[in-house]
N, C-alpha and C. Protein backbone atom coordinates (compact mmCIF):
# COMPACT_ATOMS: atom_id res chain seq x y z
N MET A 1 0.85 -1.19 0.00
CA MET A 1 0.00 0.00 0.00
C MET A 1 0.88 1.24 0.00
N THR A 2 0.64 2.16 -0.93
CA THR A 2 1.42 3.39 -0.98
C THR A 2 0.93 4.36 0.07
N HIS A 3 1.72 5.46 0.31
CA HIS A 3 1.30 6.44 1.30
C HIS A 3 0.01 7.12 0.89
N THR A 4 -0.23 7.27 -0.45
CA THR A 4 -1.48 7.89 -0.90
C THR A 4 -2.66 6.97 -0.61
N GLU A 5 -2.49 5.68 -0.84
CA GLU A 5 -3.55 4.72 -0.54
C GLU A 5 -3.83 4.68 0.96
N GLN A 6 -2.78 4.79 1.76
CA GLN A 6 -2.97 4.82 3.20
C GLN A 6 -3.80 6.03 3.60
N ARG A 7 -3.51 7.20 3.00
CA ARG A 7 -4.25 8.40 3.31
C ARG A 7 -5.71 8.24 2.93
N ASP A 8 -5.94 7.66 1.71
CA ASP A 8 -7.30 7.52 1.22
C ASP A 8 -8.10 6.52 2.04
N ALA A 9 -7.44 5.66 2.81
CA ALA A 9 -8.15 4.70 3.64
C ALA A 9 -8.87 5.39 4.79
N GLY A 10 -8.55 6.69 5.02
CA GLY A 10 -9.25 7.45 6.06
C GLY A 10 -8.42 7.58 7.30
N GLN A 11 -8.89 8.40 8.23
CA GLN A 11 -8.17 8.63 9.47
C GLN A 11 -8.22 7.39 10.35
N GLY A 12 -7.22 7.27 11.21
CA GLY A 12 -7.20 6.15 12.13
C GLY A 12 -6.48 4.96 11.55
N GLY A 13 -6.41 3.87 12.36
CA GLY A 13 -5.64 2.71 11.95
C GLY A 13 -6.22 1.97 10.76
N GLY A 14 -7.53 1.72 10.78
CA GLY A 14 -8.17 1.06 9.65
C GLY A 14 -7.56 -0.28 9.30
N GLY A 15 -7.01 -0.99 10.31
CA GLY A 15 -6.40 -2.28 10.05
C GLY A 15 -4.98 -2.22 9.54
N ARG A 16 -4.43 -1.02 9.42
CA ARG A 16 -3.07 -0.88 8.92
C ARG A 16 -2.05 -1.32 9.97
N GLN A 17 -0.91 -1.78 9.46
CA GLN A 17 0.17 -2.26 10.31
C GLN A 17 1.35 -1.32 10.21
N LEU A 18 1.90 -0.94 11.35
CA LEU A 18 3.05 -0.05 11.40
C LEU A 18 4.25 -0.76 12.00
N ALA A 19 5.43 -0.44 11.49
CA ALA A 19 6.68 -0.87 12.12
C ALA A 19 7.20 0.31 12.94
N ILE A 20 7.67 0.03 14.15
CA ILE A 20 8.21 1.07 15.02
C ILE A 20 9.61 0.69 15.47
N LEU A 21 10.54 1.64 15.34
CA LEU A 21 11.89 1.52 15.88
C LEU A 21 12.03 2.49 17.03
N GLY A 22 12.83 2.11 18.02
CA GLY A 22 13.03 2.97 19.18
C GLY A 22 11.88 2.92 20.17
N GLY A 23 11.12 1.83 20.15
CA GLY A 23 9.92 1.74 20.96
C GLY A 23 10.14 1.55 22.45
N THR A 24 11.38 1.29 22.89
CA THR A 24 11.63 1.14 24.32
C THR A 24 12.09 2.45 24.96
N GLY A 25 12.30 3.48 24.16
CA GLY A 25 12.69 4.78 24.71
C GLY A 25 11.49 5.57 25.19
N ARG A 26 11.75 6.70 25.81
CA ARG A 26 10.66 7.49 26.40
C ARG A 26 9.73 8.03 25.33
N SER A 27 10.26 8.46 24.21
CA SER A 27 9.42 8.94 23.12
C SER A 27 8.75 7.78 22.40
N GLY A 28 9.49 6.70 22.21
CA GLY A 28 8.95 5.53 21.52
C GLY A 28 7.80 4.89 22.25
N ARG A 29 7.84 4.90 23.57
CA ARG A 29 6.74 4.33 24.34
C ARG A 29 5.45 5.09 24.09
N LEU A 30 5.53 6.41 24.03
CA LEU A 30 4.35 7.20 23.75
C LEU A 30 3.87 7.00 22.32
N LEU A 31 4.81 6.79 21.40
CA LEU A 31 4.44 6.52 20.02
C LEU A 31 3.63 5.22 19.94
N ILE A 32 4.06 4.22 20.69
CA ILE A 32 3.30 2.96 20.75
C ILE A 32 1.91 3.20 21.30
N ASP A 33 1.82 3.93 22.40
CA ASP A 33 0.52 4.18 23.04
C ASP A 33 -0.43 4.91 22.10
N VAL A 34 0.07 5.95 21.43
CA VAL A 34 -0.78 6.74 20.55
C VAL A 34 -1.23 5.90 19.35
N ALA A 35 -0.32 5.09 18.81
CA ALA A 35 -0.66 4.26 17.65
C ALA A 35 -1.70 3.20 18.01
N LEU A 36 -1.54 2.57 19.15
CA LEU A 36 -2.53 1.56 19.57
C LEU A 36 -3.88 2.21 19.83
N ALA A 37 -3.87 3.38 20.44
CA ALA A 37 -5.13 4.09 20.72
C ALA A 37 -5.84 4.46 19.43
N ALA A 38 -5.07 4.67 18.36
CA ALA A 38 -5.65 5.04 17.07
C ALA A 38 -6.09 3.83 16.25
N GLY A 39 -5.83 2.62 16.77
CA GLY A 39 -6.31 1.41 16.11
C GLY A 39 -5.34 0.74 15.17
N TYR A 40 -4.07 1.11 15.22
CA TYR A 40 -3.08 0.47 14.36
C TYR A 40 -2.59 -0.83 14.98
N GLY A 41 -2.19 -1.77 14.12
CA GLY A 41 -1.42 -2.91 14.55
C GLY A 41 0.06 -2.56 14.47
N LEU A 42 0.88 -3.14 15.35
CA LEU A 42 2.28 -2.73 15.42
C LEU A 42 3.22 -3.92 15.38
N ARG A 43 4.35 -3.72 14.72
CA ARG A 43 5.51 -4.59 14.85
C ARG A 43 6.62 -3.69 15.39
N VAL A 44 7.17 -4.06 16.54
CA VAL A 44 8.11 -3.18 17.24
C VAL A 44 9.45 -3.89 17.38
N LEU A 45 10.50 -3.27 16.84
CA LEU A 45 11.85 -3.83 16.93
C LEU A 45 12.46 -3.49 18.28
N ALA A 46 13.01 -4.50 18.96
CA ALA A 46 13.64 -4.27 20.27
C ALA A 46 14.73 -5.31 20.47
N ARG A 47 15.89 -4.86 20.92
CA ARG A 47 16.95 -5.80 21.24
C ARG A 47 16.53 -6.72 22.38
N ASP A 48 15.76 -6.18 23.33
CA ASP A 48 15.23 -6.95 24.44
C ASP A 48 13.73 -6.67 24.55
N PRO A 49 12.89 -7.51 23.96
CA PRO A 49 11.44 -7.27 23.99
C PRO A 49 10.87 -7.15 25.40
N ALA A 50 11.58 -7.69 26.40
CA ALA A 50 11.10 -7.57 27.78
C ALA A 50 11.07 -6.12 28.24
N ARG A 51 11.80 -5.24 27.54
CA ARG A 51 11.83 -3.83 27.91
C ARG A 51 10.63 -3.05 27.36
N LEU A 52 9.85 -3.67 26.49
CA LEU A 52 8.64 -3.00 26.00
C LEU A 52 7.70 -2.78 27.18
N HIS A 53 7.11 -1.60 27.27
CA HIS A 53 6.39 -1.20 28.47
C HIS A 53 4.98 -1.76 28.55
N ARG A 54 4.51 -2.39 27.47
CA ARG A 54 3.16 -2.93 27.53
C ARG A 54 3.02 -4.12 26.59
N GLN A 55 2.02 -4.93 26.86
CA GLN A 55 1.67 -6.03 25.99
C GLN A 55 0.28 -5.77 25.44
N ASP A 56 0.09 -6.16 24.21
CA ASP A 56 -1.20 -5.96 23.56
C ASP A 56 -1.29 -6.97 22.42
N PRO A 57 -2.45 -7.56 22.18
CA PRO A 57 -2.55 -8.53 21.09
C PRO A 57 -2.25 -7.93 19.72
N ARG A 58 -2.33 -6.61 19.60
CA ARG A 58 -2.04 -5.95 18.32
C ARG A 58 -0.58 -5.56 18.20
N LEU A 59 0.22 -5.83 19.22
CA LEU A 59 1.65 -5.47 19.23
C LEU A 59 2.49 -6.73 19.12
N VAL A 60 3.26 -6.83 18.05
CA VAL A 60 4.13 -7.98 17.83
C VAL A 60 5.58 -7.55 18.03
N PRO A 61 6.24 -8.03 19.08
CA PRO A 61 7.66 -7.70 19.27
C PRO A 61 8.52 -8.44 18.24
N VAL A 62 9.51 -7.76 17.71
CA VAL A 62 10.48 -8.36 16.80
C VAL A 62 11.85 -8.18 17.43
N THR A 63 12.47 -9.27 17.80
CA THR A 63 13.77 -9.19 18.47
C THR A 63 14.87 -8.88 17.46
N GLY A 64 15.63 -7.85 17.75
CA GLY A 64 16.72 -7.51 16.85
C GLY A 64 17.22 -6.10 17.07
N ASP A 65 18.22 -5.73 16.28
CA ASP A 65 18.91 -4.45 16.38
C ASP A 65 18.74 -3.70 15.07
N ALA A 66 18.48 -2.41 15.14
CA ALA A 66 18.28 -1.61 13.93
C ALA A 66 19.52 -1.54 13.06
N ARG A 67 20.68 -1.89 13.62
CA ARG A 67 21.91 -1.89 12.84
C ARG A 67 22.09 -3.18 12.05
N ASP A 68 21.18 -4.15 12.24
CA ASP A 68 21.23 -5.45 11.58
C ASP A 68 20.26 -5.45 10.40
N PRO A 69 20.76 -5.55 9.16
CA PRO A 69 19.87 -5.51 8.00
C PRO A 69 18.79 -6.59 8.03
N GLN A 70 19.13 -7.79 8.49
CA GLN A 70 18.14 -8.86 8.51
C GLN A 70 17.04 -8.59 9.51
N ALA A 71 17.40 -8.01 10.67
CA ALA A 71 16.39 -7.69 11.67
C ALA A 71 15.42 -6.64 11.14
N VAL A 72 15.94 -5.66 10.42
CA VAL A 72 15.07 -4.63 9.85
C VAL A 72 14.17 -5.22 8.78
N ALA A 73 14.71 -6.11 7.95
CA ALA A 73 13.90 -6.76 6.92
C ALA A 73 12.77 -7.57 7.56
N THR A 74 13.05 -8.27 8.65
CA THR A 74 12.03 -9.04 9.34
C THR A 74 10.96 -8.12 9.93
N LEU A 75 11.38 -6.99 10.48
CA LEU A 75 10.45 -6.03 11.06
C LEU A 75 9.41 -5.57 10.04
N LEU A 76 9.82 -5.43 8.80
CA LEU A 76 8.96 -4.83 7.78
C LEU A 76 7.94 -5.80 7.18
N GLU A 77 7.97 -7.04 7.58
CA GLU A 77 7.06 -8.02 6.99
C GLU A 77 5.60 -7.65 7.25
N GLY A 78 4.87 -7.37 6.19
CA GLY A 78 3.44 -7.12 6.29
C GLY A 78 3.05 -5.74 6.78
N VAL A 79 3.99 -4.78 6.85
CA VAL A 79 3.63 -3.45 7.36
C VAL A 79 3.34 -2.49 6.22
N ASP A 80 2.64 -1.41 6.54
CA ASP A 80 2.25 -0.40 5.57
C ASP A 80 3.09 0.87 5.66
N ALA A 81 3.73 1.10 6.81
CA ALA A 81 4.53 2.32 7.01
C ALA A 81 5.45 2.09 8.20
N VAL A 82 6.44 2.98 8.34
CA VAL A 82 7.44 2.86 9.39
C VAL A 82 7.55 4.17 10.15
N LEU A 83 7.64 4.07 11.48
CA LEU A 83 7.90 5.24 12.32
C LEU A 83 9.11 4.94 13.19
N SER A 84 10.02 5.89 13.29
CA SER A 84 11.24 5.69 14.07
C SER A 84 11.43 6.77 15.11
N ALA A 85 11.58 6.33 16.35
CA ALA A 85 11.92 7.23 17.45
C ALA A 85 13.32 6.92 17.96
N LEU A 86 14.14 6.31 17.12
CA LEU A 86 15.52 6.01 17.50
C LEU A 86 16.28 7.30 17.79
N GLY A 87 17.18 7.22 18.74
CA GLY A 87 18.06 8.33 19.03
C GLY A 87 19.51 7.89 18.90
N PRO A 88 20.43 8.83 18.72
CA PRO A 88 21.85 8.49 18.63
C PRO A 88 22.40 8.04 19.97
N VAL A 89 23.45 7.26 19.91
CA VAL A 89 24.12 6.77 21.11
C VAL A 89 25.52 7.37 21.17
N ARG A 90 25.79 8.12 22.21
CA ARG A 90 27.08 8.79 22.32
C ARG A 90 28.22 7.77 22.40
N GLY A 91 29.26 8.00 21.59
CA GLY A 91 30.43 7.12 21.60
C GLY A 91 30.25 5.84 20.83
N GLU A 92 29.12 5.70 20.11
CA GLU A 92 28.82 4.45 19.43
C GLU A 92 29.22 4.47 17.96
N ALA A 93 29.57 5.63 17.42
CA ALA A 93 29.79 5.78 15.99
C ALA A 93 30.98 4.98 15.49
N ARG A 94 30.90 4.55 14.23
CA ARG A 94 32.02 3.90 13.56
C ARG A 94 33.08 4.93 13.19
N GLY A 95 34.14 4.47 12.59
CA GLY A 95 35.22 5.37 12.21
C GLY A 95 34.79 6.44 11.23
N ASP A 96 33.74 6.16 10.43
CA ASP A 96 33.28 7.15 9.46
C ASP A 96 32.27 8.12 10.07
N GLY A 97 32.04 8.02 11.38
CA GLY A 97 31.14 8.93 12.06
C GLY A 97 29.71 8.48 12.13
N SER A 98 29.38 7.37 11.43
CA SER A 98 28.00 6.91 11.42
C SER A 98 27.73 6.02 12.63
N GLY A 99 26.55 6.18 13.21
CA GLY A 99 26.14 5.40 14.37
C GLY A 99 24.82 4.71 14.11
N VAL A 100 24.08 4.45 15.17
CA VAL A 100 22.86 3.66 15.06
C VAL A 100 21.82 4.31 14.16
N MET A 101 21.67 5.63 14.20
CA MET A 101 20.65 6.28 13.38
C MET A 101 20.99 6.20 11.90
N THR A 102 22.25 6.44 11.56
CA THR A 102 22.66 6.38 10.16
C THR A 102 22.55 4.97 9.63
N ARG A 103 23.01 3.99 10.40
CA ARG A 103 22.95 2.61 9.94
C ARG A 103 21.51 2.13 9.84
N ALA A 104 20.67 2.55 10.78
CA ALA A 104 19.25 2.18 10.69
C ALA A 104 18.63 2.77 9.43
N ALA A 105 18.98 4.04 9.11
CA ALA A 105 18.46 4.66 7.90
C ALA A 105 18.91 3.90 6.66
N GLU A 106 20.17 3.50 6.63
CA GLU A 106 20.68 2.74 5.49
C GLU A 106 19.92 1.42 5.34
N ASN A 107 19.69 0.76 6.46
CA ASN A 107 18.97 -0.52 6.42
C ASN A 107 17.52 -0.34 6.02
N LEU A 108 16.89 0.73 6.50
CA LEU A 108 15.50 0.99 6.16
C LEU A 108 15.36 1.31 4.67
N VAL A 109 16.24 2.13 4.14
CA VAL A 109 16.17 2.48 2.72
C VAL A 109 16.24 1.22 1.86
N ALA A 110 17.17 0.33 2.18
CA ALA A 110 17.32 -0.90 1.40
C ALA A 110 16.14 -1.84 1.59
N ALA A 111 15.73 -2.05 2.84
CA ALA A 111 14.69 -3.04 3.11
C ALA A 111 13.31 -2.55 2.69
N MET A 112 13.02 -1.26 2.87
CA MET A 112 11.71 -0.76 2.50
C MET A 112 11.50 -0.81 1.00
N SER A 113 12.52 -0.52 0.24
CA SER A 113 12.41 -0.61 -1.21
C SER A 113 12.10 -2.04 -1.63
N GLY A 114 12.77 -2.99 -1.00
CA GLY A 114 12.54 -4.39 -1.33
C GLY A 114 11.19 -4.90 -0.89
N ALA A 115 10.66 -4.32 0.19
CA ALA A 115 9.38 -4.78 0.74
C ALA A 115 8.18 -4.03 0.17
N GLY A 116 8.44 -3.04 -0.68
CA GLY A 116 7.35 -2.28 -1.25
C GLY A 116 6.69 -1.33 -0.27
N VAL A 117 7.42 -0.91 0.75
CA VAL A 117 6.91 0.04 1.75
C VAL A 117 7.60 1.37 1.49
N SER A 118 6.83 2.46 1.41
CA SER A 118 7.45 3.74 1.05
C SER A 118 7.39 4.79 2.15
N ARG A 119 6.38 4.76 3.00
CA ARG A 119 6.18 5.87 3.95
C ARG A 119 6.99 5.67 5.21
N LEU A 120 7.80 6.66 5.55
CA LEU A 120 8.65 6.63 6.74
C LEU A 120 8.60 7.98 7.44
N ILE A 121 8.29 7.96 8.73
CA ILE A 121 8.34 9.16 9.55
C ILE A 121 9.36 8.92 10.64
N SER A 122 10.38 9.77 10.70
CA SER A 122 11.48 9.59 11.64
C SER A 122 11.68 10.86 12.46
N MET A 123 12.22 10.71 13.64
CA MET A 123 12.43 11.83 14.55
C MET A 123 13.93 12.08 14.74
N THR A 124 14.30 13.36 14.85
CA THR A 124 15.66 13.72 15.21
C THR A 124 15.64 15.07 15.91
N GLY A 125 16.80 15.54 16.31
CA GLY A 125 16.87 16.80 17.05
C GLY A 125 16.84 18.02 16.15
N ALA A 126 16.35 19.14 16.70
CA ALA A 126 16.29 20.39 15.94
C ALA A 126 17.67 20.97 15.69
N GLY A 127 18.70 20.42 16.33
CA GLY A 127 20.07 20.86 16.06
C GLY A 127 20.59 20.43 14.71
N VAL A 128 19.86 19.55 14.03
CA VAL A 128 20.25 19.11 12.69
C VAL A 128 19.77 20.17 11.69
N ALA A 129 20.70 20.93 11.14
CA ALA A 129 20.35 22.03 10.24
C ALA A 129 19.79 21.50 8.93
N GLN A 130 18.83 22.25 8.36
CA GLN A 130 18.24 21.91 7.08
C GLN A 130 18.04 23.16 6.25
N PRO A 131 17.93 23.02 4.93
CA PRO A 131 17.72 24.19 4.07
C PRO A 131 16.49 24.99 4.50
N GLY A 132 16.61 26.30 4.51
CA GLY A 132 15.50 27.16 4.87
C GLY A 132 15.50 27.60 6.32
N ASP A 133 16.30 26.94 7.17
CA ASP A 133 16.35 27.34 8.57
C ASP A 133 16.86 28.79 8.69
N GLN A 134 16.36 29.48 9.70
CA GLN A 134 16.84 30.83 10.02
C GLN A 134 17.10 30.87 11.52
N PRO A 135 18.16 30.17 11.95
CA PRO A 135 18.40 30.03 13.39
C PRO A 135 18.65 31.35 14.09
N LYS A 136 18.08 31.46 15.28
CA LYS A 136 18.33 32.62 16.12
C LYS A 136 19.58 32.36 16.95
N VAL A 137 19.96 33.34 17.76
CA VAL A 137 21.18 33.20 18.56
C VAL A 137 21.10 31.97 19.45
N PHE A 138 19.95 31.74 20.08
CA PHE A 138 19.79 30.57 20.95
C PHE A 138 20.03 29.28 20.16
N ASP A 139 19.48 29.20 18.96
CA ASP A 139 19.64 28.00 18.13
C ASP A 139 21.10 27.77 17.77
N ARG A 140 21.81 28.85 17.47
CA ARG A 140 23.22 28.73 17.11
C ARG A 140 24.06 28.27 18.30
N VAL A 141 23.71 28.76 19.48
CA VAL A 141 24.43 28.36 20.69
C VAL A 141 24.24 26.86 20.95
N ILE A 142 23.01 26.38 20.82
CA ILE A 142 22.73 24.97 21.05
C ILE A 142 23.48 24.10 20.05
N ARG A 143 23.45 24.48 18.78
CA ARG A 143 24.14 23.68 17.77
C ARG A 143 25.65 23.68 18.00
N THR A 144 26.21 24.81 18.35
CA THR A 144 27.64 24.88 18.63
C THR A 144 28.00 24.01 19.82
N ALA A 145 27.16 24.03 20.85
CA ALA A 145 27.40 23.19 22.03
C ALA A 145 27.37 21.71 21.66
N LEU A 146 26.42 21.33 20.79
CA LEU A 146 26.35 19.94 20.35
C LEU A 146 27.60 19.56 19.55
N ARG A 147 28.02 20.44 18.67
CA ARG A 147 29.18 20.14 17.84
C ARG A 147 30.44 19.96 18.68
N LEU A 148 30.54 20.73 19.75
CA LEU A 148 31.74 20.66 20.58
C LEU A 148 31.69 19.52 21.59
N SER A 149 30.52 19.28 22.19
CA SER A 149 30.43 18.31 23.28
C SER A 149 30.04 16.90 22.81
N GLN A 150 29.28 16.81 21.71
CA GLN A 150 28.81 15.51 21.24
C GLN A 150 28.88 15.44 19.71
N PRO A 151 30.07 15.60 19.16
CA PRO A 151 30.17 15.65 17.70
C PRO A 151 29.71 14.37 17.01
N ASP A 152 29.96 13.21 17.64
CA ASP A 152 29.54 11.96 17.00
C ASP A 152 28.02 11.84 16.98
N VAL A 153 27.37 12.34 18.03
CA VAL A 153 25.90 12.32 18.07
C VAL A 153 25.33 13.20 16.97
N LEU A 154 25.88 14.39 16.79
CA LEU A 154 25.39 15.29 15.76
C LEU A 154 25.65 14.72 14.37
N ARG A 155 26.82 14.15 14.14
CA ARG A 155 27.13 13.56 12.83
C ARG A 155 26.19 12.41 12.51
N ASP A 156 25.88 11.60 13.53
CA ASP A 156 24.99 10.47 13.31
C ASP A 156 23.58 10.96 12.96
N SER A 157 23.11 11.95 13.68
CA SER A 157 21.78 12.51 13.40
C SER A 157 21.74 13.11 11.99
N GLU A 158 22.80 13.84 11.63
CA GLU A 158 22.86 14.42 10.29
C GLU A 158 22.96 13.34 9.22
N GLY A 159 23.73 12.30 9.50
CA GLY A 159 23.88 11.21 8.53
C GLY A 159 22.58 10.50 8.25
N HIS A 160 21.78 10.32 9.29
CA HIS A 160 20.48 9.65 9.12
C HIS A 160 19.57 10.46 8.21
N VAL A 161 19.54 11.78 8.37
CA VAL A 161 18.71 12.62 7.51
C VAL A 161 19.25 12.60 6.08
N ALA A 162 20.57 12.65 5.95
CA ALA A 162 21.17 12.65 4.61
C ALA A 162 20.82 11.37 3.85
N ARG A 163 20.86 10.22 4.53
CA ARG A 163 20.52 8.96 3.85
C ARG A 163 19.08 8.97 3.37
N LEU A 164 18.18 9.52 4.16
CA LEU A 164 16.78 9.57 3.75
C LEU A 164 16.58 10.53 2.59
N ARG A 165 17.25 11.68 2.63
CA ARG A 165 17.14 12.65 1.53
C ARG A 165 17.61 12.04 0.21
N GLU A 166 18.60 11.19 0.27
CA GLU A 166 19.15 10.57 -0.95
C GLU A 166 18.27 9.45 -1.49
N SER A 167 17.30 9.02 -0.70
CA SER A 167 16.48 7.87 -1.07
C SER A 167 15.25 8.29 -1.88
N ASP A 168 14.53 7.28 -2.38
CA ASP A 168 13.27 7.50 -3.08
C ASP A 168 12.07 7.31 -2.16
N LEU A 169 12.30 7.14 -0.88
CA LEU A 169 11.22 6.91 0.06
C LEU A 169 10.34 8.15 0.24
N ALA A 170 9.12 7.92 0.66
CA ALA A 170 8.20 9.00 1.02
C ALA A 170 8.42 9.33 2.50
N TRP A 171 9.50 10.04 2.77
CA TRP A 171 9.94 10.25 4.16
C TRP A 171 9.50 11.62 4.68
N THR A 172 9.40 11.69 5.99
CA THR A 172 9.27 12.95 6.72
C THR A 172 10.15 12.83 7.96
N VAL A 173 11.02 13.78 8.18
CA VAL A 173 11.83 13.81 9.39
C VAL A 173 11.28 14.91 10.29
N VAL A 174 10.90 14.55 11.50
CA VAL A 174 10.35 15.51 12.46
C VAL A 174 11.47 15.93 13.40
N ARG A 175 11.86 17.20 13.33
CA ARG A 175 12.96 17.71 14.16
C ARG A 175 12.38 18.36 15.42
N VAL A 176 12.94 17.98 16.55
CA VAL A 176 12.36 18.42 17.82
C VAL A 176 13.40 19.16 18.67
N PRO A 177 12.96 20.19 19.42
CA PRO A 177 13.84 20.86 20.38
C PRO A 177 13.87 20.06 21.69
N MET A 178 13.99 20.72 22.81
CA MET A 178 14.02 20.03 24.10
C MET A 178 12.72 19.26 24.33
N LEU A 179 12.85 17.97 24.63
CA LEU A 179 11.68 17.14 24.88
C LEU A 179 11.32 17.18 26.36
N ILE A 180 10.03 17.33 26.63
CA ILE A 180 9.54 17.38 28.01
C ILE A 180 8.38 16.41 28.17
N ASP A 181 8.04 16.11 29.42
CA ASP A 181 6.87 15.30 29.71
C ASP A 181 5.63 16.20 29.70
N GLY A 182 4.48 15.56 29.60
CA GLY A 182 3.24 16.32 29.58
C GLY A 182 2.32 15.85 28.49
N PRO A 183 1.09 16.34 28.48
CA PRO A 183 0.10 15.88 27.51
C PRO A 183 0.38 16.43 26.11
N ALA A 184 -0.28 15.82 25.13
CA ALA A 184 -0.19 16.31 23.77
C ALA A 184 -0.88 17.67 23.66
N GLN A 185 -0.24 18.59 22.96
CA GLN A 185 -0.77 19.92 22.72
C GLN A 185 -0.62 20.27 21.24
N PRO A 186 -1.35 21.27 20.76
CA PRO A 186 -1.13 21.73 19.40
C PRO A 186 0.32 22.16 19.21
N VAL A 187 0.87 21.91 18.02
CA VAL A 187 2.27 22.27 17.77
C VAL A 187 2.38 23.26 16.64
N ARG A 188 3.48 24.00 16.66
CA ARG A 188 3.88 24.87 15.57
C ARG A 188 4.91 24.11 14.75
N ALA A 189 4.73 24.05 13.45
CA ALA A 189 5.65 23.33 12.57
C ALA A 189 6.20 24.28 11.52
N GLY A 190 7.51 24.22 11.32
CA GLY A 190 8.13 25.10 10.33
C GLY A 190 9.63 24.91 10.32
N ARG A 191 10.35 26.03 10.29
CA ARG A 191 11.81 26.00 10.25
C ARG A 191 12.38 26.27 11.63
N VAL A 192 13.62 25.85 11.84
CA VAL A 192 14.34 26.30 13.02
C VAL A 192 14.49 27.81 12.91
N GLY A 193 14.12 28.49 13.97
CA GLY A 193 14.03 29.94 13.95
C GLY A 193 12.59 30.39 14.08
N ASP A 194 11.66 29.51 13.67
CA ASP A 194 10.23 29.81 13.78
C ASP A 194 9.60 29.16 15.00
N ILE A 195 10.28 28.17 15.57
CA ILE A 195 9.67 27.37 16.62
C ILE A 195 10.18 27.79 18.00
N GLY A 196 9.52 27.26 19.03
CA GLY A 196 9.93 27.51 20.40
C GLY A 196 10.96 26.51 20.88
N PRO A 197 11.34 26.58 22.17
CA PRO A 197 12.43 25.76 22.68
C PRO A 197 12.01 24.38 23.21
N ARG A 198 10.70 24.10 23.32
CA ARG A 198 10.27 22.85 23.95
C ARG A 198 9.07 22.24 23.24
N VAL A 199 8.95 20.93 23.41
CA VAL A 199 7.77 20.22 22.93
C VAL A 199 7.63 18.94 23.75
N SER A 200 6.41 18.53 24.03
CA SER A 200 6.22 17.31 24.81
C SER A 200 6.36 16.08 23.92
N ARG A 201 6.82 15.01 24.53
CA ARG A 201 6.95 13.76 23.79
C ARG A 201 5.60 13.30 23.25
N ALA A 202 4.54 13.51 24.02
CA ALA A 202 3.21 13.12 23.56
C ALA A 202 2.81 13.93 22.33
N SER A 203 3.17 15.21 22.29
CA SER A 203 2.86 16.04 21.12
C SER A 203 3.62 15.53 19.89
N VAL A 204 4.87 15.14 20.08
CA VAL A 204 5.67 14.63 18.97
C VAL A 204 5.06 13.34 18.44
N ALA A 205 4.69 12.43 19.34
CA ALA A 205 4.10 11.16 18.92
C ALA A 205 2.82 11.39 18.12
N THR A 206 1.99 12.30 18.60
CA THR A 206 0.74 12.60 17.91
C THR A 206 1.01 13.20 16.53
N PHE A 207 1.95 14.13 16.45
CA PHE A 207 2.29 14.76 15.17
C PHE A 207 2.83 13.72 14.19
N MET A 208 3.70 12.85 14.66
CA MET A 208 4.27 11.83 13.78
C MET A 208 3.18 10.93 13.21
N LEU A 209 2.27 10.51 14.04
CA LEU A 209 1.21 9.64 13.58
C LEU A 209 0.29 10.35 12.58
N GLU A 210 0.05 11.63 12.80
CA GLU A 210 -0.80 12.40 11.89
C GLU A 210 -0.22 12.47 10.48
N GLN A 211 1.11 12.36 10.37
CA GLN A 211 1.74 12.46 9.06
C GLN A 211 1.43 11.26 8.16
N LEU A 212 0.95 10.17 8.74
CA LEU A 212 0.60 9.00 7.94
C LEU A 212 -0.55 9.31 6.99
N ASP A 213 -1.39 10.25 7.34
CA ASP A 213 -2.56 10.60 6.53
C ASP A 213 -2.43 11.99 5.92
N SER A 214 -1.19 12.44 5.73
CA SER A 214 -0.98 13.77 5.19
C SER A 214 0.28 13.80 4.33
N ASP A 215 0.21 14.54 3.25
CA ASP A 215 1.39 14.78 2.41
C ASP A 215 1.99 16.16 2.66
N ARG A 216 1.50 16.86 3.68
CA ARG A 216 1.93 18.24 3.92
C ARG A 216 3.44 18.36 4.05
N TRP A 217 4.05 17.43 4.76
CA TRP A 217 5.49 17.51 5.00
C TRP A 217 6.25 16.37 4.31
N LEU A 218 5.71 15.90 3.19
CA LEU A 218 6.33 14.81 2.45
C LEU A 218 7.71 15.24 1.93
N ARG A 219 8.73 14.41 2.22
CA ARG A 219 10.11 14.65 1.82
C ARG A 219 10.61 16.00 2.33
N GLN A 220 10.17 16.36 3.55
CA GLN A 220 10.62 17.56 4.23
C GLN A 220 10.99 17.22 5.67
N ALA A 221 11.64 18.18 6.34
CA ALA A 221 12.09 17.97 7.72
C ALA A 221 11.61 19.12 8.58
N PRO A 222 10.31 19.17 8.89
CA PRO A 222 9.81 20.27 9.72
C PRO A 222 10.35 20.22 11.14
N ALA A 223 10.57 21.37 11.72
CA ALA A 223 10.88 21.49 13.14
C ALA A 223 9.58 21.83 13.85
N ILE A 224 9.32 21.22 15.01
CA ILE A 224 8.05 21.47 15.71
C ILE A 224 8.31 21.84 17.15
N SER A 225 7.35 22.57 17.72
CA SER A 225 7.40 22.92 19.15
C SER A 225 6.01 23.28 19.58
N HIS A 226 5.81 23.50 20.85
CA HIS A 226 4.56 24.06 21.34
C HIS A 226 4.45 25.50 20.88
């Protein structure tokens, strides 16, 4: 099913199956909750499925690592779209600067093409610069701090976006500022420089899921905040 067919199926899960990466993290857990509440079936990749925060008959754990091409290929069996809440791991990058996010993107690009799955919504930090951004002083300070204190993390995040941009996938990368706890709220979406400094994880999860039925940010990387 293409992303257009998914949209035409109407709002909500409608029997559709989603693959989720990063489902054991704080943002990924909320993504699972929001997706199940919307009626989707899920296949969730986890190195240790026991770390998944809930059990549900519509949730199928897939044991594996996003850096493993075979695990990613198995995850995609029978799904209609992919959502990723993976984050970079400090000190984990290879000699070329790529880490878990970049390798996961490489594996997804290859496996999704082979599986006939095109729609991918992925999350990364607002410190990843993109064309059209108009960063303010605060934004420049944050990015400089990241470059100096966690250069491998920033390179990995940038590498993941670059791999998706080079692909033929129907991708959307959701860039987020400081993540906080709290309920889902309306968000502002646009460029870095237009958004605020914070957004709740629940708001991010809701926004990501909404993109499954929208082409508004197709092959773009919006930054969002409250």
